[in-house]
PDB file of N, CA and C in Angstrom:
ATOM      1  N   MET A   1      27.557 -25.611  29.041  1.00  0.00           N
ATOM      2  CA  MET A   1      28.934 -26.097  29.034  1.00  0.00           C
ATOM      3  C   MET A   1      29.853 -24.933  29.416  1.00  0.00           C
ATOM      4  N   ASN A   2      30.674 -25.151  30.430  1.00  0.00           N
ATOM      5  CA  ASN A   2      31.588 -24.078  30.820  1.00  0.00           C
ATOM      6  C   ASN A   2      32.841 -24.092  29.943  1.00  0.00           C
ATOM      7  N   THR A   3      33.688 -23.098  30.142  1.00  0.00           N
ATOM      8  CA  THR A   3      34.858 -22.930  29.278  1.00  0.00           C
ATOM      9  C   THR A   3      35.799 -24.130  29.355  1.00  0.00           C
ATOM     10  N   GLU A   4      35.962 -24.696  30.555  1.00  0.00           N
ATOM     11  CA  GLU A   4      36.859 -25.853  30.696  1.00  0.00           C
ATOM     12  C   GLU A   4      36.294 -27.071  29.964  1.00  0.00           C
ATOM     13  N   GLU A   5      34.983 -27.288  30.071  1.00  0.00           N
ATOM     14  CA  GLU A   5      34.353 -28.397  29.345  1.00  0.00           C
ATOM     15  C   GLU A   5      34.470 -28.187  27.842  1.00  0.00           C
ATOM     16  N   LEU A   6      34.302 -26.949  27.416  1.00  0.00           N
ATOM     17  CA  LEU A   6      34.428 -26.621  26.000  1.00  0.00           C
ATOM     18  C   LEU A   6      35.836 -26.933  25.507  1.00  0.00           C
ATOM     19  N   ARG A   7      36.850 -26.515  26.275  1.00  0.00           N
ATOM     20  CA  ARG A   7      38.239 -26.790  25.900  1.00  0.00           C
ATOM     21  C   ARG A   7      38.482 -28.299  25.810  1.00  0.00           C
ATOM     22  N   LEU A   8      37.979 -29.050  26.786  1.00  0.00           N
ATOM     23  CA  LEU A   8      38.161 -30.508  26.769  1.00  0.00           C
ATOM     24  C   LEU A   8      37.493 -31.132  25.549  1.00  0.00           C
ATOM     25  N   ASN A   9      36.297 -30.656  25.202  1.00  0.00           N
ATOM     26  CA  ASN A   9      35.604 -31.198  24.022  1.00  0.00           C
ATOM     27  C   ASN A   9      36.358 -30.870  22.749  1.00  0.00           C
ATOM     28  N   ILE A  10      36.911 -29.681  22.665  1.00  0.00           N
ATOM     29  CA  ILE A  10      37.682 -29.315  21.472  1.00  0.00           C
ATOM     30  C   ILE A  10      38.958 -30.148  21.389  1.00  0.00           C
ATOM     31  N   GLU A  11      39.600 -30.380  22.531  1.00  0.00           N
ATOM     32  CA  GLU A  11      40.792 -31.246  22.538  1.00  0.00           C
ATOM     33  C   GLU A  11      40.429 -32.672  22.099  1.00  0.00           C
ATOM     34  N   LYS A  12      39.252 -33.161  22.504  1.00  0.00           N
ATOM     35  CA  LYS A  12      38.804 -34.492  22.056  1.00  0.00           C
ATOM     36  C   LYS A  12      38.644 -34.508  20.540  1.00  0.00           C
ATOM     37  N   ALA A  13      38.071 -33.437  20.008  1.00  0.00           N
ATOM     38  CA  ALA A  13      37.901 -33.337  18.556  1.00  0.00           C
ATOM     39  C   ALA A  13      39.263 -33.360  17.863  1.00  0.00           C
ATOM     40  N   LEU A  14      40.220 -32.583  18.388  1.00  0.00           N
ATOM     41  CA  LEU A  14      41.555 -32.545  17.785  1.00  0.00           C
ATOM     42  C   LEU A  14      42.240 -33.898  17.896  1.00  0.00           C
ATOM     43  N   ASP A  15      42.010 -34.613  19.006  1.00  0.00           N
ATOM     44  CA  ASP A  15      42.589 -35.953  19.161  1.00  0.00           C
ATOM     45  C   ASP A  15      42.034 -36.914  18.112  1.00  0.00           C
ATOM     46  N   GLU A  16      40.783 -36.689  17.706  1.00  0.00           N
ATOM     47  CA  GLU A  16      40.177 -37.541  16.668  1.00  0.00           C
ATOM     48  C   GLU A  16      40.790 -37.246  15.298  1.00  0.00           C
ATOM     49  N   ILE A  17      41.130 -35.991  15.060  1.00  0.00           N
ATOM     50  CA  ILE A  17      41.678 -35.548  13.771  1.00  0.00           C
ATOM     51  C   ILE A  17      43.176 -35.835  13.654  1.00  0.00           C
ATOM     52  N   ARG A  18      43.874 -35.700  14.765  1.00  0.00           N
ATOM     53  CA  ARG A  18      45.344 -35.737  14.783  1.00  0.00           C
ATOM     54  C   ARG A  18      45.967 -36.927  14.059  1.00  0.00           C
ATOM     55  N   PRO A  19      45.473 -38.167  14.240  1.00  0.00           N
ATOM     56  CA  PRO A  19      46.112 -39.306  13.549  1.00  0.00           C
ATOM     57  C   PRO A  19      46.131 -39.170  12.029  1.00  0.00           C
ATOM     58  N   PHE A  20      45.084 -38.566  11.464  1.00  0.00           N
ATOM     59  CA  PHE A  20      45.039 -38.376  10.011  1.00  0.00           C
ATOM     60  C   PHE A  20      46.087 -37.364   9.566  1.00  0.00           C
ATOM     61  N   LEU A  21      46.238 -36.292  10.341  1.00  0.00           N
ATOM     62  CA  LEU A  21      47.243 -35.280  10.010  1.00  0.00           C
ATOM     63  C   LEU A  21      48.648 -35.844  10.193  1.00  0.00           C
ATOM     64  N   GLN A  22      48.856 -36.599  11.274  1.00  0.00           N
ATOM     65  CA  GLN A  22      50.182 -37.148  11.554  1.00  0.00           C
ATOM     66  C   GLN A  22      50.589 -38.180  10.502  1.00  0.00           C
ATOM     67  N   SER A  23      49.618 -38.876   9.938  1.00  0.00           N
ATOM     68  CA  SER A  23      49.956 -39.869   8.910  1.00  0.00           C
ATOM     69  C   SER A  23      50.524 -39.196   7.664  1.00  0.00           C
ATOM     70  N   ASP A  24      50.225 -37.901   7.500  1.00  0.00           N
ATOM     71  CA  ASP A  24      50.775 -37.123   6.386  1.00  0.00           C
ATOM     72  C   ASP A  24      51.931 -36.226   6.831  1.00  0.00           C
ATOM     73  N   GLY A  25      52.426 -36.435   8.056  1.00  0.00           N
ATOM     74  CA  GLY A  25      53.559 -35.658   8.540  1.00  0.00           C
ATOM     75  C   GLY A  25      53.187 -34.315   9.134  1.00  0.00           C
ATOM     76  N   GLY A  26      51.930 -34.132   9.478  1.00  0.00           N
ATOM     77  CA  GLY A  26      51.480 -32.866  10.049  1.00  0.00           C
ATOM     78  C   GLY A  26      50.955 -33.031  11.459  1.00  0.00           C
ATOM     79  N   ASP A  27      50.382 -31.951  11.978  1.00  0.00           N
ATOM     80  CA  ASP A  27      49.789 -31.974  13.312  1.00  0.00           C
ATOM     81  C   ASP A  27      48.925 -30.728  13.451  1.00  0.00           C
ATOM     82  N   ILE A  28      48.250 -30.617  14.592  1.00  0.00           N
ATOM     83  CA  ILE A  28      47.400 -29.455  14.859  1.00  0.00           C
ATOM     84  C   ILE A  28      47.459 -29.137  16.340  1.00  0.00           C
ATOM     85  N   SER A  29      47.452 -27.848  16.665  1.00  0.00           N
ATOM     86  CA  SER A  29      47.454 -27.395  18.056  1.00  0.00           C
ATOM     87  C   SER A  29      46.317 -26.417  18.277  1.00  0.00           C
ATOM     88  N   LEU A  30      45.708 -26.500  19.462  1.00  0.00           N
ATOM     89  CA  LEU A  30      44.700 -25.529  19.861  1.00  0.00           C
ATOM     90  C   LEU A  30      45.419 -24.298  20.382  1.00  0.00           C
ATOM     91  N   ILE A  31      45.117 -23.128  19.817  1.00  0.00           N
ATOM     92  CA  ILE A  31      45.743 -21.882  20.239  1.00  0.00           C
ATOM     93  C   ILE A  31      44.859 -21.154  21.239  1.00  0.00           C
ATOM     94  N   SER A  32      43.585 -20.956  20.886  1.00  0.00           N
ATOM     95  CA  SER A  32      42.694 -20.249  21.809  1.00  0.00           C
ATOM     96  C   SER A  32      41.238 -20.511  21.466  1.00  0.00           C
ATOM     97  N   ILE A  33      40.396 -20.214  22.445  1.00  0.00           N
ATOM     98  CA  ILE A  33      38.943 -20.223  22.261  1.00  0.00           C
ATOM     99  C   ILE A  33      38.480 -18.827  22.644  1.00  0.00           C
ATOM    100  N   ASP A  34      37.852 -18.126  21.700  1.00  0.00           N
ATOM    101  CA  ASP A  34      37.436 -16.748  21.937  1.00  0.00           C
ATOM    102  C   ASP A  34      35.919 -16.668  22.030  1.00  0.00           C
ATOM    103  N   ASN A  35      35.443 -16.075  23.111  1.00  0.00           N
ATOM    104  CA  ASN A  35      33.994 -15.860  23.317  1.00  0.00           C
ATOM    105  C   ASN A  35      33.178 -17.149  23.230  1.00  0.00           C
ATOM    106  N   ASP A  36      33.814 -18.275  23.524  1.00  0.00           N
ATOM    107  CA  ASP A  36      33.142 -19.583  23.455  1.00  0.00           C
ATOM    108  C   ASP A  36      32.468 -19.828  22.107  1.00  0.00           C
ATOM    109  N   SER A  37      32.960 -19.165  21.045  1.00  0.00           N
ATOM    110  CA  SER A  37      32.329 -19.371  19.746  1.00  0.00           C
ATOM    111  C   SER A  37      33.330 -19.464  18.599  1.00  0.00           C
ATOM    112  N   SER A  38      34.571 -19.037  18.842  1.00  0.00           N
ATOM    113  CA  SER A  38      35.586 -19.040  17.795  1.00  0.00           C
ATOM    114  C   SER A  38      36.826 -19.781  18.301  1.00  0.00           C
ATOM    115  N   VAL A  39      37.315 -20.695  17.495  1.00  0.00           N
ATOM    116  CA  VAL A  39      38.483 -21.498  17.871  1.00  0.00           C
ATOM    117  C   VAL A  39      39.631 -21.156  16.936  1.00  0.00           C
ATOM    118  N   LYS A  40      40.806 -20.919  17.525  1.00  0.00           N
ATOM    119  CA  LYS A  40      42.006 -20.710  16.718  1.00  0.00           C
ATOM    120  C   LYS A  40      42.897 -21.934  16.885  1.00  0.00           C
ATOM    121  N   VAL A  41      43.314 -22.480  15.748  1.00  0.00           N
ATOM    122  CA  VAL A  41      44.208 -23.639  15.735  1.00  0.00           C
ATOM    123  C   VAL A  41      45.410 -23.313  14.862  1.00  0.00           C
ATOM    124  N   ARG A  42      46.445 -24.099  15.012  1.00  0.00           N
ATOM    125  CA  ARG A  42      47.603 -23.959  14.135  1.00  0.00           C
ATOM    126  C   ARG A  42      47.900 -25.314  13.526  1.00  0.00           C
ATOM    127  N   LEU A  43      47.846 -25.370  12.194  1.00  0.00           N
ATOM    128  CA  LEU A  43      48.284 -26.570  11.485  1.00  0.00           C
ATOM    129  C   LEU A  43      49.804 -26.545  11.456  1.00  0.00           C
ATOM    130  N   GLU A  44      50.424 -27.704  11.667  1.00  0.00           N
ATOM    131  CA  GLU A  44      51.877 -27.774  11.831  1.00  0.00           C
ATOM    132  C   GLU A  44      52.490 -28.825  10.917  1.00  0.00           C
ATOM    133  N   GLY A  45      53.808 -28.805  10.844  1.00  0.00           N
ATOM    134  CA  GLY A  45      54.538 -29.806  10.067  1.00  0.00           C
ATOM    135  C   GLY A  45      54.192 -29.720   8.594  1.00  0.00           C
ATOM    136  N   ALA A  46      53.916 -30.874   7.989  1.00  0.00           N
ATOM    137  CA  ALA A  46      53.625 -30.936   6.557  1.00  0.00           C
ATOM    138  C   ALA A  46      52.343 -30.187   6.197  1.00  0.00           C
ATOM    139  N   CYS A  47      51.493 -29.905   7.194  1.00  0.00           N
ATOM    140  CA  CYS A  47      50.233 -29.190   6.924  1.00  0.00           C
ATOM    141  C   CYS A  47      50.478 -27.713   6.603  1.00  0.00           C
ATOM    142  N   VAL A  48      51.610 -27.173   7.035  1.00  0.00           N
ATOM    143  CA  VAL A  48      51.923 -25.774   6.753  1.00  0.00           C
ATOM    144  C   VAL A  48      52.244 -25.642   5.271  1.00  0.00           C
ATOM    145  N   GLY A  49      51.529 -24.770   4.593  1.00  0.00           N
ATOM    146  CA  GLY A  49      51.772 -24.563   3.171  1.00  0.00           C
ATOM    147  C   GLY A  49      51.182 -25.637   2.267  1.00  0.00           C
ATOM    148  N   CYS A  50      50.490 -26.598   2.851  1.00  0.00           N
ATOM    149  CA  CYS A  50      49.860 -27.641   2.042  1.00  0.00           C
ATOM    150  C   CYS A  50      48.685 -27.037   1.285  1.00  0.00           C
ATOM    151  N   SER A  51      48.572 -27.373   0.016  1.00  0.00           N
ATOM    152  CA  SER A  51      47.528 -26.764  -0.825  1.00  0.00           C
ATOM    153  C   SER A  51      46.122 -27.160  -0.393  1.00  0.00           C
ATOM    154  N   VAL A  52      45.979 -28.265   0.318  1.00  0.00           N
ATOM    155  CA  VAL A  52      44.635 -28.684   0.723  1.00  0.00           C
ATOM    156  C   VAL A  52      44.320 -28.325   2.178  1.00  0.00           C
ATOM    157  N   ASN A  53      45.205 -27.572   2.855  1.00  0.00           N
ATOM    158  CA  ASN A  53      44.967 -27.359   4.279  1.00  0.00           C
ATOM    159  C   ASN A  53      43.719 -26.541   4.579  1.00  0.00           C
ATOM    160  N   GLN A  54      43.337 -25.608   3.705  1.00  0.00           N
ATOM    161  CA  GLN A  54      42.097 -24.864   3.952  1.00  0.00           C
ATOM    162  C   GLN A  54      40.881 -25.785   3.803  1.00  0.00           C
ATOM    163  N   MET A  55      40.939 -26.697   2.837  1.00  0.00           N
ATOM    164  CA  MET A  55      39.858 -27.660   2.676  1.00  0.00           C
ATOM    165  C   MET A  55      39.823 -28.602   3.886  1.00  0.00           C
ATOM    166  N   THR A  56      40.991 -29.051   4.324  1.00  0.00           N
ATOM    167  CA  THR A  56      41.080 -29.918   5.502  1.00  0.00           C
ATOM    168  C   THR A  56      40.513 -29.205   6.716  1.00  0.00           C
ATOM    169  N   LEU A  57      40.873 -27.936   6.858  1.00  0.00           N
ATOM    170  CA  LEU A  57      40.414 -27.158   8.005  1.00  0.00           C
ATOM    171  C   LEU A  57      38.893 -27.077   8.023  1.00  0.00           C
ATOM    172  N   LYS A  58      38.291 -26.731   6.896  1.00  0.00           N
ATOM    173  CA  LYS A  58      36.835 -26.561   6.850  1.00  0.00           C
ATOM    174  C   LYS A  58      36.095 -27.887   6.927  1.00  0.00           C
ATOM    175  N   SER A  59      36.503 -28.840   6.097  1.00  0.00           N
ATOM    176  CA  SER A  59      35.713 -30.069   6.015  1.00  0.00           C
ATOM    177  C   SER A  59      35.983 -31.003   7.186  1.00  0.00           C
ATOM    178  N   GLY A  60      37.230 -31.125   7.581  1.00  0.00           N
ATOM    179  CA  GLY A  60      37.565 -32.077   8.639  1.00  0.00           C
ATOM    180  C   GLY A  60      37.587 -31.467  10.020  1.00  0.00           C
ATOM    181  N   VAL A  61      38.424 -30.473  10.203  1.00  0.00           N
ATOM    182  CA  VAL A  61      38.647 -29.907  11.533  1.00  0.00           C
ATOM    183  C   VAL A  61      37.403 -29.196  12.054  1.00  0.00           C
ATOM    184  N   GLU A  62      36.867 -28.273  11.266  1.00  0.00           N
ATOM    185  CA  GLU A  62      35.708 -27.501  11.732  1.00  0.00           C
ATOM    186  C   GLU A  62      34.502 -28.415  11.974  1.00  0.00           C
ATOM    187  N   MET A  63      34.261 -29.348  11.063  1.00  0.00           N
ATOM    188  CA  MET A  63      33.127 -30.259  11.212  1.00  0.00           C
ATOM    189  C   MET A  63      33.273 -31.102  12.485  1.00  0.00           C
ATOM    190  N   THR A  64      34.477 -31.605  12.742  1.00  0.00           N
ATOM    191  CA  THR A  64      34.697 -32.450  13.917  1.00  0.00           C
ATOM    192  C   THR A  64      34.574 -31.639  15.202  1.00  0.00           C
ATOM    193  N   ILE A  65      35.128 -30.432  15.223  1.00  0.00           N
ATOM    194  CA  ILE A  65      35.011 -29.588  16.413  1.00  0.00           C
ATOM    195  C   ILE A  65      33.540 -29.273  16.688  1.00  0.00           C
ATOM    196  N   LYS A  66      32.777 -28.954  15.646  1.00  0.00           N
ATOM    197  CA  LYS A  66      31.351 -28.635  15.836  1.00  0.00           C
ATOM    198  C   LYS A  66      30.556 -29.843  16.316  1.00  0.00           C
ATOM    199  N   LYS A  67      31.028 -31.035  15.980  1.00  0.00           N
ATOM    200  CA  LYS A  67      30.366 -32.254  16.464  1.00  0.00           C
ATOM    201  C   LYS A  67      30.501 -32.349  17.987  1.00  0.00           C
ATOM    202  N   TYR A  68      31.674 -31.997  18.490  1.00  0.00           N
ATOM    203  CA  TYR A  68      31.932 -32.054  19.930  1.00  0.00           C
ATOM    204  C   TYR A  68      31.465 -30.795  20.657  1.00  0.00           C
ATOM    205  N   ALA A  69      31.466 -29.666  19.959  1.00  0.00           N
ATOM    206  CA  ALA A  69      31.136 -28.378  20.578  1.00  0.00           C
ATOM    207  C   ALA A  69      30.278 -27.571  19.593  1.00  0.00           C
ATOM    208  N   PRO A  70      28.968 -27.866  19.546  1.00  0.00           N
ATOM    209  CA  PRO A  70      28.095 -27.257  18.540  1.00  0.00           C
ATOM    210  C   PRO A  70      28.017 -25.728  18.590  1.00  0.00           C
ATOM    211  N   GLN A  71      28.349 -25.133  19.737  1.00  0.00           N
ATOM    212  CA  GLN A  71      28.255 -23.673  19.825  1.00  0.00           C
ATOM    213  C   GLN A  71      29.384 -22.951  19.092  1.00  0.00           C
ATOM    214  N   ILE A  72      30.395 -23.680  18.664  1.00  0.00           N
ATOM    215  CA  ILE A  72      31.503 -23.052  17.942  1.00  0.00           C
ATOM    216  C   ILE A  72      31.007 -22.603  16.569  1.00  0.00           C
ATOM    217  N   GLN A  73      31.247 -21.337  16.245  1.00  0.00           N
ATOM    218  CA  GLN A  73      30.792 -20.748  14.996  1.00  0.00           C
ATOM    219  C   GLN A  73      31.859 -20.817  13.897  1.00  0.00           C
ATOM    220  N   GLU A  74      33.132 -20.690  14.295  1.00  0.00           N
ATOM    221  CA  GLU A  74      34.177 -20.687  13.280  1.00  0.00           C
ATOM    222  C   GLU A  74      35.473 -21.271  13.833  1.00  0.00           C
ATOM    223  N   VAL A  75      36.268 -21.801  12.922  1.00  0.00           N
ATOM    224  CA  VAL A  75      37.593 -22.319  13.238  1.00  0.00           C
ATOM    225  C   VAL A  75      38.575 -21.595  12.330  1.00  0.00           C
ATOM    226  N   ILE A  76      39.572 -20.972  12.944  1.00  0.00           N
ATOM    227  CA  ILE A  76      40.540 -20.154  12.214  1.00  0.00           C
ATOM    228  C   ILE A  76      41.917 -20.782  12.362  1.00  0.00           C
ATOM    229  N   ASN A  77      42.610 -20.914  11.226  1.00  0.00           N
ATOM    230  CA  ASN A  77      43.982 -21.423  11.254  1.00  0.00           C
ATOM    231  C   ASN A  77      44.940 -20.240  11.386  1.00  0.00           C
ATOM    232  N   ILE A  78      45.730 -20.276  12.446  1.00  0.00           N
ATOM    233  CA  ILE A  78      46.771 -19.262  12.658  1.00  0.00           C
ATOM    234  C   ILE A  78      48.067 -19.883  12.173  1.00  0.00           C
ATOM    235  N   SER A  79      48.639 -19.345  11.122  1.00  0.00           N
ATOM    236  CA  SER A  79      49.864 -19.955  10.581  1.00  0.00           C
ATOM    237  C   SER A  79      51.068 -19.076  10.825  1.00  0.00           C
ATOM    238  N   GLY A  80      52.205 -19.694  10.853  1.00  0.00           N
ATOM    239  CA  GLY A  80      53.461 -18.989  10.940  1.00  0.00           C
ATOM    240  C   GLY A  80      53.781 -18.360  12.271  1.00  0.00           C
ATOM    241  N   LEU A  81      53.122 -18.790  13.356  1.00  0.00           N
ATOM    242  CA  LEU A  81      53.442 -18.224  14.677  1.00  0.00           C
ATOM    243  C   LEU A  81      54.433 -19.102  15.396  1.00  0.00           C
TER     244      LEU A  81
END
């Protein structure tokens, strides 16, 4: 899978997650893909400062991204940018 295919698969994963975040007043953006193994995202809106956002990130976001792009090793939330 090349970098463009990887980006498209990660965007598909985020599109699957986005409705759940938006229903709670939040959102998520893809910031970068590093070395085709690490993804940086930014939780937005109501997700910023939410006490469950780290759990959401690990259980929902990371799991869904890995389903679409198994080579991804980690998902990092970049906040406050």
